[in-house]
């Protein structure tokens, strides 16, 4: 996945973060593949991406970052 791509949370992510995220379109604002890119990156999951996101509907930045397996393309 890449910056500015539209995504939604996977069912597994919704189980973790709540039903309020179902069908909410998110836009990737930053992509990290190492701790140098993002201080919260878990090197144990390399080469998975860690993504900062905002809501498409209101441009609100999320206060969490999500990994590849928590997102799917729209």
C-alpha atoms as a PDB file:
ATOM      1  CA  UNK A   1       0.000   0.000   0.000  1.00  0.00           C
ATOM      2  CA  UNK A   2       1.115   3.554  -0.592  1.00  0.00           C
ATOM      3  CA  UNK A   3       0.605   7.124   0.593  1.00  0.00           C
ATOM      4  CA  UNK A   4      -2.774   8.666  -0.367  1.00  0.00           C
ATOM      5  CA  UNK A   5      -4.312   5.229  -1.008  1.00  0.00           C
ATOM      6  CA  UNK A   6      -7.848   4.646   0.285  1.00  0.00           C
ATOM      7  CA  UNK A   7      -8.305   1.722   2.656  1.00  0.00           C
ATOM      8  CA  UNK A   8     -10.706   0.264   5.224  1.00  0.00           C
ATOM      9  CA  UNK A   9     -10.017  -1.813   8.306  1.00  0.00           C
ATOM     10  CA  UNK A  10     -10.143  -5.603   8.079  1.00  0.00           C
ATOM     11  CA  UNK A  11     -12.685  -7.535  10.157  1.00  0.00           C
ATOM     12  CA  UNK A  12      -9.907  -8.494  12.568  1.00  0.00           C
ATOM     13  CA  UNK A  13      -8.959  -4.839  13.073  1.00  0.00           C
ATOM     14  CA  UNK A  14     -12.611  -3.925  13.658  1.00  0.00           C
ATOM     15  CA  UNK A  15     -12.757  -6.610  16.353  1.00  0.00           C
ATOM     16  CA  UNK A  16      -9.825  -4.833  18.055  1.00  0.00           C
ATOM     17  CA  UNK A  17     -10.793  -1.193  17.500  1.00  0.00           C
ATOM     18  CA  UNK A  18     -14.618  -1.314  17.430  1.00  0.00           C
ATOM     19  CA  UNK A  19     -17.603  -1.445  15.107  1.00  0.00           C
ATOM     20  CA  UNK A  20     -17.542   2.337  14.656  1.00  0.00           C
ATOM     21  CA  UNK A  21     -14.721   1.740  12.144  1.00  0.00           C
ATOM     22  CA  UNK A  22     -16.691  -0.617   9.876  1.00  0.00           C
ATOM     23  CA  UNK A  23     -16.911   0.807   6.326  1.00  0.00           C
ATOM     24  CA  UNK A  24     -15.070   4.010   7.288  1.00  0.00           C
ATOM     25  CA  UNK A  25     -12.803   4.934   4.389  1.00  0.00           C
ATOM     26  CA  UNK A  26      -9.331   5.951   5.510  1.00  0.00           C
ATOM     27  CA  UNK A  27      -6.509   7.597   3.575  1.00  0.00           C
ATOM     28  CA  UNK A  28      -2.866   6.652   4.172  1.00  0.00           C
ATOM     29  CA  UNK A  29      -0.847   9.737   5.160  1.00  0.00           C
ATOM     30  CA  UNK A  30       2.505   8.119   6.018  1.00  0.00           C
ATOM     31  CA  UNK A  31       4.133   4.728   5.374  1.00  0.00           C
ATOM     32  CA  UNK A  32       6.817   3.261   7.659  1.00  0.00           C
ATOM     33  CA  UNK A  33       8.983   0.173   7.162  1.00  0.00           C
ATOM     34  CA  UNK A  34      11.440   0.680  10.047  1.00  0.00           C
ATOM     35  CA  UNK A  35      11.910   2.425  13.414  1.00  0.00           C
ATOM     36  CA  UNK A  36      13.708   5.176  11.518  1.00  0.00           C
ATOM     37  CA  UNK A  37      10.423   5.844   9.690  1.00  0.00           C
ATOM     38  CA  UNK A  38       8.158   5.546  12.765  1.00  0.00           C
ATOM     39  CA  UNK A  39       9.122   5.221  16.446  1.00  0.00           C
ATOM     40  CA  UNK A  40       6.299   2.732  17.062  1.00  0.00           C
ATOM     41  CA  UNK A  41       7.370   0.338  14.318  1.00  0.00           C
ATOM     42  CA  UNK A  42       7.861  -3.266  15.475  1.00  0.00           C
ATOM     43  CA  UNK A  43      11.012  -4.524  13.721  1.00  0.00           C
ATOM     44  CA  UNK A  44       9.781  -8.085  14.327  1.00  0.00           C
ATOM     45  CA  UNK A  45       7.129  -7.673  11.612  1.00  0.00           C
ATOM     46  CA  UNK A  46       9.473  -6.337   8.936  1.00  0.00           C
ATOM     47  CA  UNK A  47       8.882  -5.887   5.985  1.00  0.00           C
ATOM     48  CA  UNK A  48       5.221  -5.156   6.817  1.00  0.00           C
ATOM     49  CA  UNK A  49       4.167  -1.522   6.516  1.00  0.00           C
ATOM     50  CA  UNK A  50       2.899   0.615   9.399  1.00  0.00           C
ATOM     51  CA  UNK A  51       0.507   3.338   8.283  1.00  0.00           C
ATOM     52  CA  UNK A  52      -0.622   6.675   9.659  1.00  0.00           C
ATOM     53  CA  UNK A  53      -4.135   7.471   8.508  1.00  0.00           C
ATOM     54  CA  UNK A  54      -6.877  10.068   8.302  1.00  0.00           C
ATOM     55  CA  UNK A  55     -10.601   9.706   7.725  1.00  0.00           C
ATOM     56  CA  UNK A  56     -11.664  10.468   4.163  1.00  0.00           C
ATOM     57  CA  UNK A  57     -14.986  12.016   5.227  1.00  0.00           C
ATOM     58  CA  UNK A  58     -13.621  14.711   7.552  1.00  0.00           C
ATOM     59  CA  UNK A  59      -9.774  14.636   7.232  1.00  0.00           C
ATOM     60  CA  UNK A  60      -9.450  13.780  10.955  1.00  0.00           C
ATOM     61  CA  UNK A  61      -6.064  12.208  11.709  1.00  0.00           C
ATOM     62  CA  UNK A  62      -6.291   8.883  13.556  1.00  0.00           C
ATOM     63  CA  UNK A  63      -4.461   8.710  16.886  1.00  0.00           C
ATOM     64  CA  UNK A  64      -3.234   5.199  16.046  1.00  0.00           C
ATOM     65  CA  UNK A  65      -1.196   3.561  13.315  1.00  0.00           C
ATOM     66  CA  UNK A  66      -2.139   0.278  11.645  1.00  0.00           C
ATOM     67  CA  UNK A  67      -0.156  -2.524   9.986  1.00  0.00           C
ATOM     68  CA  UNK A  68      -0.695  -4.152   6.570  1.00  0.00           C
ATOM     69  CA  UNK A  69      -2.778  -7.020   7.967  1.00  0.00           C
ATOM     70  CA  UNK A  70      -5.204  -4.539   9.602  1.00  0.00           C
ATOM     71  CA  UNK A  71      -6.085  -2.788   6.326  1.00  0.00           C
ATOM     72  CA  UNK A  72      -7.496  -3.650   2.920  1.00  0.00           C
ATOM     73  CA  UNK A  73      -7.710  -1.586  -0.250  1.00  0.00           C
ATOM     74  CA  UNK A  74     -11.027   0.048  -1.153  1.00  0.00           C
END
